[in-house]
Amino acid sequence: MKRKIVVFTGAGVSADSGLATFRDADGLWANYRIEEVCTPEALARDRAKVIGFYNLRRRELLEKQPNAGHRAIAELEHDFEVEVVTQNVDNFHERAGSTRVTHLHGELMKLRSERNPDLVVPIEGWEQPLDAKAPDGALLRPHIVFFGESVPMFERAVELVRAADVLIVAGTSLAVYPAASLVRYVRPEIPVYLVDPGNPDTAWIRNPLTHIRERSAVGMPRLVERLRAEEAERLAGA
């Protein structure tokens, strides 16, 4: 039976593809305040600005490609049962070949009904018309978890982490909650691998921890090669 790996990813994984994050000092988010484009109140107050912002983000996404980190994560599926849990709203994991991806904060390439959050539809291209409507007749909005909204996929993510035989954390500062608290749910004996060049908050991690101080595009391929080699040895000795 294949061992289960959960890969928990953050903005640093997609930053290696040249995608701006809201923590960057420059880039797309630099010209906006979060309160202006990423809250339910902002959508109600200035719909055009919010929709326009996500159109720009979508256009940027379609101009970029998955990087070596995304591809390495997808390659894990050759040897392991892999679940990706991501804070990212892009579709790079899917485009790189990962088949099981849980998006905690929504998906940029999808829209949803303002009346029914469970009514989600894909968007073709990058531009959402201001008056676009869902099948239920309500206006469509970005399928994004705005600040102040609940994270509907969090409980599923907790279940996945609890079942993991290995947890990989890549490209996240472990500072955005509730997502960052996922590391608390891994079983005590399970190894945790952290791939990040910085110093994420690891205070809550009591498990055996290996910190690979590299960007995801560099560190993830190395880690995946190591894990696949170790798994081959394990199976050969079984």
Foldseek 3Di string as FASTA:
>chain_A
DFAEEEEEEEDLQCVVQVQDDCPDCDDLNVVDDLVCAFAPVNCVVPVPVNQVSLLVSQQVLVVTAHFQLLLLLQVLVVRHHYAYEYCDQECRNVRSHRDHYHHQFYHSQKKAFPVDLVQIGGHDHRHDDSQDHGPVGGRIDGRGRGPPHHRVCVVVLLVSQCRHQEYEYAHDLLPDPPSSVSLLSHDAAHEYEYEALDDRDCVNHNYNYHYHNHRSSPPSNVVSVVVVVVSVVVVVVD
